[in-house]
Protein backbone atom coordinates (compact mmCIF):
# COMPACT_ATOMS: atom_id res chain seq x y z
CA MET A 1 0.00 0.00 0.00
CA ASN A 2 1.27 3.47 -0.84
CA ARG A 3 1.96 5.14 2.46
CA LYS A 4 0.78 8.56 1.47
CA PHE A 5 -2.78 7.28 1.20
CA LEU A 6 -2.79 6.69 4.97
CA LEU A 7 -2.76 10.46 5.45
CA PRO A 8 -5.53 12.96 4.83
CA THR A 9 -4.90 14.97 1.65
CA GLY A 10 -4.29 18.29 3.40
CA LEU A 11 -1.97 16.75 5.97
CA TYR A 12 0.11 15.09 3.24
CA ARG A 13 0.60 18.43 1.55
CA ILE A 14 1.89 19.92 4.77
CA CYS A 15 4.36 17.06 5.14
CA THR A 16 5.79 17.52 1.70
CA THR A 17 6.68 21.14 2.47
CA LEU A 18 8.61 20.40 5.67
CA PRO A 19 12.37 21.01 5.28
CA VAL A 20 14.57 17.94 5.67
CA ARG A 21 18.04 18.49 7.11
CA ARG A 22 20.76 16.09 6.00
CA LEU A 23 22.24 14.25 8.97
CA GLN A 24 26.01 14.17 9.32
CA PRO A 25 27.70 10.91 10.33
CA VAL A 26 29.11 10.88 13.84
CA ARG A 27 31.77 8.48 15.05
CA SER A 28 31.34 6.61 18.30
CA PRO A 29 34.07 7.03 20.94
CA CYS A 30 36.71 4.42 21.55
CA LYS A 31 37.54 3.05 24.97
CA ARG A 32 40.23 5.67 25.34
CA HIS A 33 37.66 8.47 25.15
CA ALA A 34 34.78 6.65 26.87
CA GLN A 35 35.24 8.60 30.08
CA GLY A 36 35.99 11.93 28.46
CA ALA A 37 34.64 14.21 25.77
CA LEU A 38 33.99 12.90 22.29
CA HIS A 39 36.94 13.44 19.97
CA PRO A 40 36.11 16.34 17.66
CA GLN A 41 37.27 14.45 14.58
CA GLY A 42 35.48 11.20 15.55
CA VAL A 43 38.37 9.01 14.37
CA CYS A 44 38.33 6.47 17.22
CA GLY A 45 35.42 4.21 16.25
CA GLN A 46 32.71 3.22 13.85
CA THR A 47 30.31 5.74 12.34
CA PHE A 48 26.65 5.73 13.30
CA MET A 49 23.56 7.77 12.46
CA PRO A 50 21.59 9.27 15.40
CA PHE A 51 17.87 8.45 15.33
CA ARG A 52 15.61 11.31 14.33
CA VAL A 53 11.86 11.16 13.55
CA PRO A 54 10.94 13.30 10.52
CA GLY A 55 8.20 15.85 11.05
CA CYS A 56 6.00 14.13 8.44
CA ALA A 57 6.04 10.88 10.46
CA VAL A 58 5.08 12.73 13.64
CA LEU A 59 2.08 14.27 11.90
CA ALA A 60 1.13 10.88 10.48
CA LEU A 61 1.12 9.33 13.97
CA LEU A 62 -0.94 12.24 15.26
CA ALA A 63 -3.48 11.75 12.47
CA LEU A 64 -3.70 8.04 13.25
CA PHE A 65 -4.26 8.76 16.95
CA LEU A 66 -7.01 11.28 16.23
CA SER A 67 -8.76 8.82 13.93
CA LEU A 68 -9.08 6.13 16.62
CA PRO A 69 -12.62 5.74 18.03
CA ALA A 70 -13.09 7.43 21.39
CA ALA A 71 -14.19 5.37 24.39
CA ALA A 72 -17.96 5.34 24.74
CA ASP A 73 -19.36 7.73 27.32
CA VAL A 74 -21.76 6.10 29.80
CA ALA A 75 -24.27 8.94 29.39
CA ASP A 76 -24.28 8.42 25.62
CA THR A 77 -24.69 4.66 25.97
CA LEU A 78 -27.57 5.19 28.40
CA GLN A 79 -29.47 7.23 25.83
CA ALA A 80 -29.41 4.20 23.54
CA VAL A 81 -30.41 1.79 26.33
CA LYS A 82 -33.38 3.62 27.88
CA PRO A 83 -35.80 3.51 24.90
CA ALA A 84 -35.70 -0.32 24.96
CA VAL A 85 -36.53 -0.57 28.70
CA VAL A 86 -40.22 -0.97 29.59
CA GLY A 87 -42.37 -1.54 32.63
CA VAL A 88 -44.11 -4.92 32.91
CA GLY A 89 -47.14 -6.00 34.89
CA THR A 90 -50.88 -6.40 34.44
CA PHE A 91 -53.71 -4.31 33.07
CA ASN A 92 -57.28 -4.53 34.37
CA PRO A 93 -59.77 -2.37 32.44
CA THR A 94 -62.23 -2.34 35.36
CA GLY A 95 -59.72 -2.19 38.19
CA SER A 96 -58.54 0.74 40.26
CA PRO A 97 -55.85 1.37 39.35
CA ARG A 98 -56.16 -0.26 35.97
CA ALA A 99 -52.39 -0.52 35.41
CA ASN A 100 -50.25 -2.47 37.87
CA LEU A 101 -46.54 -2.11 37.14
CA GLN A 102 -44.71 -4.95 38.87
CA GLY A 103 -41.25 -4.99 37.36
CA THR A 104 -39.02 -4.19 34.41
CA GLY A 105 -38.40 -5.69 30.98
CA PHE A 106 -36.50 -4.85 27.81
CA ALA A 107 -37.06 -5.40 24.11
CA VAL A 108 -34.84 -7.68 21.99
CA LEU A 109 -34.72 -9.23 18.51
CA ASP A 110 -37.65 -7.86 16.47
CA GLY A 111 -38.64 -5.18 18.99
CA ARG A 112 -41.79 -7.12 19.91
CA THR A 113 -40.12 -9.68 22.20
CA ILE A 114 -39.70 -8.61 25.83
CA VAL A 115 -37.34 -10.23 28.35
CA SER A 116 -38.25 -10.10 32.03
CA CYS A 117 -38.38 -12.28 35.17
CA ALA A 118 -40.66 -15.28 35.62
CA HIS A 119 -41.57 -14.56 39.24
CA ILE A 120 -43.38 -11.37 38.16
CA PHE A 121 -45.95 -13.49 36.32
CA SER A 122 -46.44 -16.24 38.91
CA LYS A 123 -49.90 -15.00 39.96
CA PRO A 124 -52.73 -16.18 37.68
CA LEU A 125 -54.68 -13.58 35.73
CA ASP A 126 -58.29 -12.75 36.60
CA SER A 127 -59.98 -13.76 33.37
CA GLU A 128 -63.42 -12.71 34.62
CA LYS A 129 -62.23 -9.12 34.78
CA ASN A 130 -60.39 -9.36 31.45
CA GLU A 131 -57.04 -8.87 33.17
CA THR A 132 -54.07 -9.20 30.83
CA TYR A 133 -50.32 -8.99 31.00
CA ALA A 134 -49.03 -5.69 29.71
CA ILE A 135 -45.98 -3.59 29.10
CA PHE A 136 -45.88 0.11 29.89
CA ILE A 137 -44.14 2.75 27.82
CA GLY A 138 -44.01 6.54 27.97
CA ARG A 139 -42.57 9.07 30.35
CA ASP A 140 -43.58 10.68 33.64
CA ARG A 141 -47.37 10.37 33.96
CA GLN A 142 -47.93 9.93 30.24
CA VAL A 143 -48.10 6.15 30.25
CA ALA A 144 -49.42 3.84 27.55
CA ALA A 145 -50.24 0.18 28.24
CA ARG A 146 -49.81 -2.41 25.49
CA PRO A 147 -51.23 -5.92 25.88
CA ALA A 148 -48.65 -8.71 26.06
CA ARG A 149 -48.70 -12.50 25.88
CA LEU A 150 -46.52 -14.73 28.02
CA ILE A 151 -44.90 -17.03 25.44
CA ALA A 152 -42.16 -18.78 27.44
CA THR A 153 -40.81 -19.10 30.97
CA ASP A 154 -37.72 -20.60 32.55
CA LYS A 155 -38.62 -20.83 36.22
CA ALA A 156 -35.32 -22.49 37.11
CA HIS A 157 -33.46 -19.37 35.97
CA ASP A 158 -36.33 -16.96 36.71
CA LEU A 159 -36.71 -15.73 33.13
CA ALA A 160 -39.78 -14.95 31.03
CA LEU A 161 -40.52 -13.88 27.47
CA LEU A 162 -43.47 -11.70 26.47
CA LYS A 163 -44.77 -10.92 23.01
CA ILE A 164 -46.47 -7.68 21.99
CA GLU A 165 -48.24 -6.67 18.80
CA GLY A 166 -48.07 -3.46 16.82
CA GLU A 167 -45.17 -1.07 16.43
CA ALA A 168 -41.75 -2.46 17.23
CA LEU A 169 -39.73 -0.98 20.10
CA PRO A 170 -36.02 -0.09 20.09
CA VAL A 171 -34.00 -3.17 21.01
CA LEU A 172 -30.97 -4.09 23.09
CA LYS A 173 -28.29 -6.48 21.88
CA LEU A 174 -27.56 -9.53 24.00
CA GLY A 175 -23.88 -10.03 24.76
CA ASP A 176 -21.75 -12.98 25.86
CA SER A 177 -21.83 -13.42 29.63
CA SER A 178 -19.40 -16.34 29.63
CA HIS A 179 -16.40 -14.00 29.36
CA VAL A 180 -17.46 -11.46 31.99
CA ARG A 181 -14.92 -11.20 34.80
CA GLU A 182 -15.29 -10.31 38.47
CA GLY A 183 -14.46 -6.67 39.07
CA THR A 184 -16.08 -5.47 35.83
CA GLN A 185 -18.03 -2.23 36.12
CA LEU A 186 -21.61 -2.61 34.87
CA TYR A 187 -24.91 -0.71 34.96
CA PHE A 188 -28.58 -1.65 35.12
CA THR A 189 -31.68 0.33 34.22
CA GLY A 190 -35.23 -0.21 35.46
CA TYR A 191 -38.08 0.90 37.70
CA PRO A 192 -36.91 0.29 41.31
CA ILE A 193 -40.11 1.49 43.00
CA GLY A 194 -42.55 0.94 40.18
CA SER A 195 -44.44 3.95 38.89
CA VAL A 196 -44.54 5.87 42.17
CA LEU A 197 -42.51 8.67 40.59
CA GLY A 198 -43.97 8.19 37.13
CA LEU A 199 -42.60 6.07 34.34
CA ASN A 200 -39.00 7.25 34.66
CA PRO A 201 -36.36 4.52 34.56
CA SER A 202 -33.44 4.79 36.96
CA THR A 203 -29.90 3.67 36.21
CA HIS A 204 -27.57 2.26 38.86
CA ARG A 205 -23.86 1.54 38.70
CA ALA A 206 -23.03 -2.02 39.72
CA GLY A 207 -19.65 -3.62 40.16
CA LEU A 208 -19.56 -7.35 39.51
CA ALA A 209 -18.54 -8.34 43.02
CA ALA A 210 -18.56 -12.10 42.51
CA ILE A 211 -19.74 -14.92 40.29
CA ILE A 212 -21.24 -17.42 42.70
CA PRO A 213 -23.37 -20.60 42.65
CA ILE A 214 -27.10 -20.01 43.07
CA PHE A 215 -27.37 -22.79 45.64
CA THR A 216 -26.53 -21.95 49.24
CA PRO A 217 -26.29 -24.96 51.59
CA VAL A 218 -28.90 -24.87 54.36
CA ALA A 219 -28.12 -25.36 58.02
CA ALA A 220 -30.65 -28.15 58.61
CA ALA A 221 -32.66 -30.67 56.59
CA ALA A 222 -35.88 -29.04 57.82
CA GLN A 223 -35.03 -25.98 55.71
CA LEU A 224 -34.99 -27.95 52.46
CA ASN A 225 -37.87 -27.40 50.07
CA ALA A 226 -38.62 -28.10 46.41
CA ARG A 227 -36.76 -25.00 45.26
CA THR A 228 -33.56 -25.62 47.24
CA LEU A 229 -33.54 -29.29 46.23
CA LYS A 230 -33.80 -28.37 42.55
CA GLN A 231 -31.00 -25.82 42.92
CA ALA A 232 -28.84 -28.44 44.62
CA ASN A 233 -29.40 -30.89 41.77
CA GLU A 234 -28.96 -28.32 38.99
CA PRO A 235 -26.63 -25.61 40.33
CA TYR A 236 -25.62 -22.65 38.16
CA GLU A 237 -23.73 -19.43 38.70
CA VAL A 238 -25.21 -15.96 39.04
CA PHE A 239 -23.74 -12.46 39.16
CA GLU A 240 -23.48 -10.84 42.57
CA LEU A 241 -23.64 -7.04 42.20
CA ASP A 242 -22.56 -4.47 44.76
CA ALA A 243 -25.55 -2.24 44.03
CA VAL A 244 -28.84 -1.30 45.64
CA ALA A 245 -31.83 -2.77 43.78
CA TYR A 246 -35.49 -2.92 44.75
CA PRO A 247 -38.39 -5.24 43.87
CA GLY A 248 -39.32 -3.16 40.80
CA ASN A 249 -35.85 -3.74 39.36
CA SER A 250 -36.68 -7.37 38.64
CA GLY A 251 -36.11 -7.84 34.92
CA SER A 252 -33.76 -4.86 34.56
CA PRO A 253 -31.06 -5.33 31.93
CA VAL A 254 -27.49 -5.33 33.26
CA TRP A 255 -25.42 -3.74 30.50
CA ASN A 256 -21.87 -3.00 29.45
CA PRO A 257 -21.17 0.76 29.63
CA GLU A 258 -18.99 0.70 26.51
CA SER A 259 -21.14 -1.31 24.12
CA GLY A 260 -24.60 -1.23 25.72
CA GLU A 261 -24.82 -5.02 25.34
CA VAL A 262 -26.91 -6.85 27.94
CA LEU A 263 -24.89 -9.24 30.09
CA GLY A 264 -27.44 -10.14 32.75
CA VAL A 265 -30.98 -9.70 34.10
CA VAL A 266 -31.59 -8.48 37.67
CA ASN A 267 -33.74 -11.02 39.47
CA SER A 268 -33.36 -10.64 43.22
CA VAL A 269 -31.92 -8.69 46.12
CA TYR A 270 -30.43 -9.87 49.37
CA VAL A 271 -32.99 -9.10 52.07
CA LYS A 272 -32.10 -8.64 55.72
CA GLY A 273 -35.05 -9.82 57.80
CA ALA A 274 -38.62 -9.58 56.52
CA LYS A 275 -39.56 -9.12 52.87
CA GLU A 276 -40.59 -5.52 53.50
CA ALA A 277 -37.01 -4.72 54.49
CA ALA A 278 -36.06 -4.70 50.80
CA LEU A 279 -37.52 -1.17 50.67
CA SER A 280 -36.87 0.15 54.17
CA ALA A 281 -33.38 -1.30 54.67
CA PRO A 282 -31.78 -2.38 51.39
CA SER A 283 -28.68 -4.50 51.77
CA GLY A 284 -26.72 -3.16 48.79
CA ILE A 285 -26.32 -6.68 47.38
CA SER A 286 -28.23 -7.74 44.28
CA TYR A 287 -28.16 -10.72 41.94
CA ALA A 288 -28.52 -11.09 38.19
CA ILE A 289 -29.03 -14.05 35.88
CA PRO A 290 -26.28 -14.30 33.20
CA VAL A 291 -27.63 -13.51 29.76
CA LYS A 292 -26.52 -16.87 28.34
CA TYR A 293 -29.73 -18.31 29.81
CA VAL A 294 -31.75 -15.68 27.93
CA HIS A 295 -30.07 -16.84 24.71
CA ARG A 296 -31.09 -20.41 25.54
CA LEU A 297 -34.71 -19.49 26.32
CA LEU A 298 -35.02 -17.48 23.11
CA GLU A 299 -33.72 -20.40 21.04
CA GLN A 300 -36.26 -22.73 22.63
CA ALA A 301 -39.13 -20.28 22.16
CA LEU A 302 -38.26 -19.52 18.53
CA ALA A 303 -37.99 -23.24 17.74
CA LYS A 304 -41.60 -23.71 18.86
CA THR A 305 -42.88 -20.72 16.91
CA PRO A 306 -44.55 -21.84 13.65
């Protein structure tokens, strides 16, 4: 490749006008003059050329440096993440209130597929009152509810997929959670206290404190139940985050600040004492399901779709 084509046209013209000074050979000192001044005639050793970077090369390196992509700013990445984050819950046309926001979700793939947590949808719908699952979009108090269908669940990993009709939403890209390392700085976006303050998603910074097994050994056999037995038989690792999350954060995407790719889904918080303590006395420890299980659930759901 012709080197001059690596430079912008204007910069190349500047380089060609720079004066080039011819370098004079200089002789290296012999042992006899190693401790003293260099002999003015330089007759004691071999000749060598001192290294000097031409001005054109310096400008070329500067141009290359300026052309490199800048590191993504978290605030800029957030602006791309927020439009894909939605509230999830139920809608009852005769209820008061009609909309019940219970957690968070985010759009993927075609913009009509929503990822969230399975435990949000564990309560059966009231069919007599025409209650439906729904997603909520908008801002502040201007909220629109869109009906949603529950198309797949993975209760073992606490994941759920919803399907909506109509206009597609902005989407988030799913990353590769298998290469995430402890100590990585991440963020998650969702609705920590529901719609109390309006439909305004909050973003929290979360360091990946540890990657730990989901199963915690119990102190006595009397504490075993169906859930703990299943976890003991089929253990898997989750992300422990050093961040404050609340019940409404369930389903929040955990994303990479540089790329915006989703690496996990917030599913629980460590609660000290009673369940209500999650709001009054948050522990500052949260957990997220690695996104590789979302990939798996999507593959299974798409395989069943005609």
